[in-house]
Amino acid sequence: FIRHIHKICGADSEPFDDDTLQKTVVHLCAKYHKTLLKIDELSNSYNQDLLFNAKCAAMFAEEYAVVSLAGDGWGRERNPDLHTKDLLARERNTTEFFDNPEFADITLTIGKDREFNAHKVVLAGHSTSFLAHFDAGHSAHRMSFDNNDDDPAIVLALIRRMYMPLPPDIPLPSYADLCLLARSFGCHAVASGLEIQFMDLLIREPINARYISSVSKVCGPEAGEHKNTALSEQIFQDVLERITDGESYCESFARAVKAGLVFNPKFAVRLAGQMLVIHRPRRQ
């Protein structure tokens, strides 16, 4: 069992074109960690950084940060004195290096004039895009995002999130942009956490301009290359639940939907079908 985990997710595992299997194994390990940590060989392998490679370790830390912070880490229940590697603690330790020139080996230019002191090991550890860029042999000590269509404030928020595990202090619609940008940069572990936080905020937001803007950014016709099928489906289901539960279908939302600003054609058709079901006359 442990050999199979090593083969798929371990430090010496072969790279996969499709990481679905790795994600599944990491998810199951995290879900059943209380049982698995009772296996001494597996717990020791984790503590020695042999169970997961860097990518899978980041997935594990991001999904189950709350469990780790609660002191329920691998091996800790079996032996309180066991030296357990807390991956989230490592991430917290990078906070002091945010925009810190110490040990910085690359300067990022974000927007027209915002320069940021960064560290390739942090960028590559969170982003497959940065990892591929550095693996390709690009040794430049400067990178520029000034020609990118993305909002510089959102790019900076993503870089900040790579160094700091705290939720970003940004408006709800910008949160949607951040989730999409994280996926486009290949920051999948970071994106998973951001999407959970984003949905927690969205479902508590009434149907207003902020809500409409957030929905349209992910589910609308202009989602473009940052389109995220899983997140867009979650958001669409939230809309359906609100309508089905009888929440006021406000006029501004109805106008935006009718104008084709909120949903792409696929979601628009599904919404129309649901509205027909809701308002279908009941047989006497």
Protein backbone atom coordinates (compact mmCIF):
# COMPACT_ATOMS: atom_id res chain seq x y z
CA PHE A 1 0.00 0.00 0.00
CA ILE A 2 2.75 2.43 0.97
CA ARG A 3 4.80 1.50 -2.10
CA HIS A 4 1.82 2.35 -4.30
CA ILE A 5 1.52 5.80 -2.70
CA HIS A 6 5.26 6.35 -3.21
CA LYS A 7 4.98 5.27 -6.83
CA ILE A 8 2.14 7.69 -7.57
CA CYS A 9 2.85 10.63 -5.27
CA GLY A 10 6.33 10.15 -3.83
CA ALA A 11 9.49 12.15 -4.22
CA ASP A 12 10.78 9.75 -6.90
CA SER A 13 7.48 9.28 -8.73
CA GLU A 14 7.35 9.75 -12.48
CA PRO A 15 5.57 12.91 -13.72
CA PHE A 16 2.01 12.43 -14.95
CA ASP A 17 0.49 14.24 -17.93
CA ASP A 18 -2.83 14.03 -16.08
CA ASP A 19 -2.63 14.55 -12.31
CA THR A 20 -6.13 13.19 -11.62
CA LEU A 21 -4.77 9.99 -10.06
CA GLN A 22 -2.38 11.93 -7.83
CA LYS A 23 -5.18 14.23 -6.69
CA THR A 24 -7.36 11.22 -5.88
CA VAL A 25 -4.65 9.49 -3.84
CA VAL A 26 -3.80 12.69 -1.94
CA HIS A 27 -7.49 13.33 -1.25
CA LEU A 28 -7.99 9.81 0.13
CA CYS A 29 -4.84 10.04 2.26
CA ALA A 30 -6.06 13.30 3.74
CA LYS A 31 -9.62 12.07 4.20
CA TYR A 32 -8.53 8.94 6.09
CA HIS A 33 -5.42 10.36 7.73
CA LYS A 34 -6.52 9.37 11.25
CA THR A 35 -6.47 5.72 10.22
CA LEU A 36 -3.37 5.94 8.08
CA LEU A 37 -1.24 7.68 10.70
CA LYS A 38 -1.54 4.55 12.84
CA ILE A 39 0.74 2.83 10.32
CA ASP A 40 4.18 3.65 11.69
CA GLU A 41 5.99 3.07 8.40
CA LEU A 42 3.66 5.43 6.58
CA SER A 43 3.81 8.08 9.31
CA ASN A 44 7.61 7.95 9.33
CA SER A 45 7.71 8.21 5.55
CA TYR A 46 5.58 11.34 5.72
CA ASN A 47 7.75 12.90 8.42
CA GLN A 48 10.86 12.28 6.32
CA ASP A 49 9.30 14.01 3.28
CA LEU A 50 9.29 10.75 1.33
CA LEU A 51 5.56 10.09 1.08
CA PHE A 52 4.73 13.05 -1.18
CA ASN A 53 6.66 15.03 -3.74
CA ALA A 54 6.48 18.83 -3.48
CA LYS A 55 3.40 19.11 -5.68
CA CYS A 56 1.41 16.44 -3.81
CA ALA A 57 2.58 17.78 -0.46
CA ALA A 58 1.20 21.20 -1.40
CA MET A 59 -2.13 19.61 -2.35
CA PHE A 60 -2.30 17.81 0.98
CA ALA A 61 -1.41 20.90 3.02
CA GLU A 62 -3.90 23.12 1.21
CA GLU A 63 -6.87 20.75 1.48
CA TYR A 64 -6.42 19.88 5.11
CA ALA A 65 -4.86 23.00 6.59
CA VAL A 66 -7.53 23.17 9.29
CA VAL A 67 -6.75 19.63 10.46
CA SER A 68 -3.03 20.37 10.61
CA LEU A 69 -3.53 23.61 12.53
CA ALA A 70 -5.77 21.84 15.04
CA GLY A 71 -2.80 19.76 16.14
CA ASP A 72 -4.10 16.60 14.52
CA GLY A 73 -1.04 16.07 12.36
CA TRP A 74 0.36 12.80 11.10
CA GLY A 75 2.18 10.83 13.80
CA ARG A 76 1.35 13.31 16.57
CA GLU A 77 -1.38 11.18 18.15
CA ARG A 78 0.87 8.11 18.21
CA ASN A 79 3.84 9.92 19.71
CA PRO A 80 3.59 13.56 20.88
CA ASP A 81 7.39 13.89 20.79
CA LEU A 82 7.65 12.74 17.17
CA HIS A 83 9.10 15.41 14.90
CA THR A 84 6.19 15.95 12.48
CA LYS A 85 6.72 18.08 9.39
CA ASP A 86 3.87 20.57 9.30
CA LEU A 87 3.65 21.74 5.71
CA LEU A 88 1.37 24.60 6.56
CA ALA A 89 3.86 25.84 9.14
CA ARG A 90 6.45 25.98 6.39
CA GLU A 91 4.08 28.09 4.35
CA ARG A 92 3.51 30.41 7.30
CA ASN A 93 7.27 30.77 7.60
CA THR A 94 7.44 32.25 4.10
CA THR A 95 5.33 35.20 5.25
CA GLU A 96 8.39 37.08 6.46
CA PHE A 97 9.94 36.81 3.00
CA PHE A 98 6.99 38.46 1.22
CA ASP A 99 8.50 41.27 -0.90
CA ASN A 100 11.69 40.87 1.12
CA PRO A 101 14.94 41.31 -0.84
CA GLU A 102 16.73 38.85 1.45
CA PHE A 103 17.44 35.68 -0.54
CA ALA A 104 15.28 37.03 -3.39
CA ASP A 105 16.51 35.75 -6.75
CA ILE A 106 13.96 37.31 -9.10
CA THR A 107 12.20 40.67 -9.42
CA LEU A 108 8.63 40.73 -10.69
CA THR A 109 7.28 43.85 -12.35
CA ILE A 110 3.51 43.91 -11.86
CA GLY A 111 1.65 46.60 -13.76
CA LYS A 112 3.52 49.68 -14.90
CA ASP A 113 5.73 50.40 -11.92
CA ARG A 114 5.13 47.92 -9.07
CA GLU A 115 8.26 45.86 -8.45
CA PHE A 116 8.20 42.84 -6.17
CA ASN A 117 11.09 40.88 -4.65
CA ALA A 118 10.33 37.19 -5.13
CA HIS A 119 11.90 33.78 -4.64
CA LYS A 120 11.86 31.20 -7.40
CA VAL A 121 11.49 28.31 -4.97
CA VAL A 122 8.25 29.81 -3.60
CA LEU A 123 6.84 30.62 -7.03
CA ALA A 124 7.71 27.22 -8.51
CA GLY A 125 6.45 25.43 -5.40
CA HIS A 126 2.96 26.83 -5.91
CA SER A 127 2.65 27.38 -9.66
CA THR A 128 3.15 24.87 -12.45
CA SER A 129 3.47 27.80 -14.86
CA PHE A 130 6.41 29.25 -12.94
CA LEU A 131 7.87 25.75 -12.49
CA ALA A 132 7.74 25.08 -16.24
CA HIS A 133 9.26 28.50 -16.94
CA PHE A 134 12.21 27.87 -14.63
CA ASP A 135 12.61 24.22 -15.71
CA ALA A 136 12.88 25.39 -19.31
CA GLY A 137 16.16 27.01 -18.40
CA HIS A 138 15.02 30.63 -18.19
CA SER A 139 17.60 32.16 -15.88
CA ALA A 140 16.47 35.78 -16.08
CA HIS A 141 16.30 37.59 -12.78
CA ARG A 142 13.36 39.74 -13.86
CA MET A 143 9.84 38.94 -15.10
CA SER A 144 7.25 41.43 -16.22
CA PHE A 145 3.46 41.26 -16.07
CA ASP A 146 2.92 44.76 -17.42
CA ASN A 147 1.66 43.51 -20.80
CA ASN A 148 -0.80 41.07 -19.28
CA ASP A 149 -4.54 41.65 -19.52
CA ASP A 150 -5.01 40.67 -15.88
CA ASP A 151 -5.53 43.33 -13.22
CA PRO A 152 -2.14 44.00 -11.55
CA ALA A 153 -3.86 44.10 -8.14
CA ILE A 154 -5.16 40.56 -8.69
CA VAL A 155 -1.75 39.31 -9.84
CA LEU A 156 -0.18 40.81 -6.72
CA ALA A 157 -2.89 39.23 -4.55
CA LEU A 158 -2.06 35.82 -6.03
CA ILE A 159 1.66 36.27 -5.41
CA ARG A 160 0.86 37.39 -1.85
CA ARG A 161 -1.24 34.25 -1.33
CA MET A 162 1.74 32.09 -2.33
CA TYR A 163 3.62 33.54 0.63
CA MET A 164 0.78 33.99 3.10
CA PRO A 165 -2.00 31.48 3.93
CA LEU A 166 -4.39 34.24 5.03
CA PRO A 167 -7.52 34.96 2.95
CA PRO A 168 -7.02 38.02 0.72
CA ASP A 169 -8.73 41.27 1.68
CA ILE A 170 -10.38 42.04 -1.66
CA PRO A 171 -13.95 42.66 -2.89
CA LEU A 172 -16.10 39.66 -3.79
CA PRO A 173 -15.98 40.13 -7.60
CA SER A 174 -12.18 40.42 -7.42
CA TYR A 175 -12.16 37.18 -5.43
CA ALA A 176 -13.68 35.50 -8.49
CA ASP A 177 -10.90 36.94 -10.66
CA LEU A 178 -8.31 35.67 -8.19
CA CYS A 179 -9.70 32.12 -8.25
CA LEU A 180 -9.63 32.05 -12.05
CA LEU A 181 -6.15 33.56 -12.23
CA ALA A 182 -4.81 30.98 -9.76
CA ARG A 183 -6.03 28.18 -12.04
CA SER A 184 -4.54 29.83 -15.12
CA PHE A 185 -1.16 30.08 -13.35
CA GLY A 186 -1.34 26.41 -12.40
CA CYS A 187 -1.64 27.20 -8.68
CA HIS A 188 -4.14 24.38 -8.24
CA ALA A 189 -3.64 23.78 -4.52
CA VAL A 190 -3.91 27.50 -3.81
CA ALA A 191 -6.93 27.77 -6.11
CA SER A 192 -8.76 24.97 -4.30
CA GLY A 193 -8.51 26.85 -1.01
CA LEU A 194 -9.46 30.16 -2.60
CA GLU A 195 -12.51 28.64 -4.27
CA ILE A 196 -13.77 27.27 -0.97
CA GLN A 197 -13.35 30.69 0.64
CA PHE A 198 -14.96 32.40 -2.35
CA MET A 199 -18.02 30.13 -2.29
CA ASP A 200 -18.40 30.66 1.47
CA LEU A 201 -18.61 34.40 0.79
CA LEU A 202 -20.81 34.10 -2.29
CA ILE A 203 -23.53 31.98 -0.73
CA ARG A 204 -23.93 34.58 2.05
CA GLU A 205 -24.16 37.47 -0.39
CA PRO A 206 -27.69 38.61 -1.36
CA ILE A 207 -28.54 38.94 -5.05
CA ASN A 208 -27.05 42.38 -5.66
CA ALA A 209 -24.52 44.00 -7.99
CA ARG A 210 -21.58 42.26 -6.28
CA TYR A 211 -23.27 38.89 -6.57
CA ILE A 212 -24.21 39.42 -10.23
CA SER A 213 -20.70 40.55 -11.12
CA SER A 214 -19.14 37.55 -9.37
CA VAL A 215 -21.45 35.08 -11.12
CA SER A 216 -20.86 36.62 -14.55
CA LYS A 217 -17.06 36.52 -14.16
CA VAL A 218 -17.10 32.73 -13.82
CA CYS A 219 -20.29 31.65 -15.61
CA GLY A 220 -20.69 34.43 -18.15
CA PRO A 221 -19.90 34.60 -21.86
CA GLU A 222 -16.67 36.54 -21.23
CA ALA A 223 -15.07 33.98 -18.88
CA GLY A 224 -12.64 33.18 -21.70
CA GLU A 225 -9.44 31.25 -21.13
CA HIS A 226 -9.83 31.39 -17.35
CA LYS A 227 -13.03 29.36 -17.56
CA ASN A 228 -13.35 26.95 -14.63
CA THR A 229 -15.98 24.29 -15.16
CA ALA A 230 -16.06 23.00 -11.57
CA LEU A 231 -16.34 26.44 -9.98
CA SER A 232 -18.89 27.66 -12.53
CA GLU A 233 -21.08 24.63 -11.81
CA GLN A 234 -20.98 25.34 -8.06
CA ILE A 235 -21.99 28.94 -8.65
CA PHE A 236 -24.80 27.97 -11.02
CA GLN A 237 -26.14 25.52 -8.45
CA ASP A 238 -26.19 28.33 -5.87
CA VAL A 239 -28.30 30.42 -8.26
CA LEU A 240 -30.70 27.51 -8.79
CA GLU A 241 -31.02 26.88 -5.05
CA ARG A 242 -31.86 30.52 -4.41
CA ILE A 243 -34.55 30.54 -7.09
CA THR A 244 -35.94 27.14 -6.08
CA ASP A 245 -36.08 28.20 -2.42
CA GLY A 246 -38.15 31.22 -3.41
CA GLU A 247 -35.54 33.93 -2.94
CA SER A 248 -36.50 37.14 -4.66
CA TYR A 249 -35.47 37.02 -8.32
CA CYS A 250 -34.57 40.71 -8.31
CA GLU A 251 -35.22 42.88 -11.33
CA SER A 252 -31.57 43.81 -11.86
CA PHE A 253 -30.57 40.14 -11.97
CA ALA A 254 -33.40 39.34 -14.37
CA ARG A 255 -32.35 42.19 -16.68
CA ALA A 256 -28.73 41.07 -16.63
CA VAL A 257 -29.71 37.48 -17.42
CA LYS A 258 -32.01 38.59 -20.23
CA ALA A 259 -29.23 40.72 -21.71
CA GLY A 260 -26.92 37.70 -21.76
CA LEU A 261 -24.45 39.23 -19.30
CA VAL A 262 -24.61 36.65 -16.52
CA PHE A 263 -24.54 33.21 -18.15
CA ASN A 264 -23.03 31.65 -21.22
CA PRO A 265 -25.50 29.89 -23.57
CA LYS A 266 -25.21 26.54 -21.79
CA PHE A 267 -26.14 27.92 -18.38
CA ALA A 268 -28.76 30.25 -19.86
CA VAL A 269 -30.60 27.29 -21.37
CA ARG A 270 -30.41 25.34 -18.12
CA LEU A 271 -31.71 28.33 -16.15
CA ALA A 272 -34.60 28.81 -18.58
CA GLY A 273 -35.54 25.15 -18.19
CA GLN A 274 -35.50 25.44 -14.41
CA MET A 275 -37.66 28.56 -14.49
CA LEU A 276 -40.21 26.71 -16.63
CA VAL A 277 -40.35 23.91 -14.07
CA ILE A 278 -40.81 26.35 -11.19
CA HIS A 279 -43.56 28.37 -12.86
CA ARG A 280 -45.33 25.47 -14.60
CA PRO A 281 -49.05 25.52 -13.69
CA ARG A 282 -50.01 22.70 -11.40
CA ARG A 283 -52.67 20.28 -12.54
CA GLN A 284 -55.91 20.52 -10.67
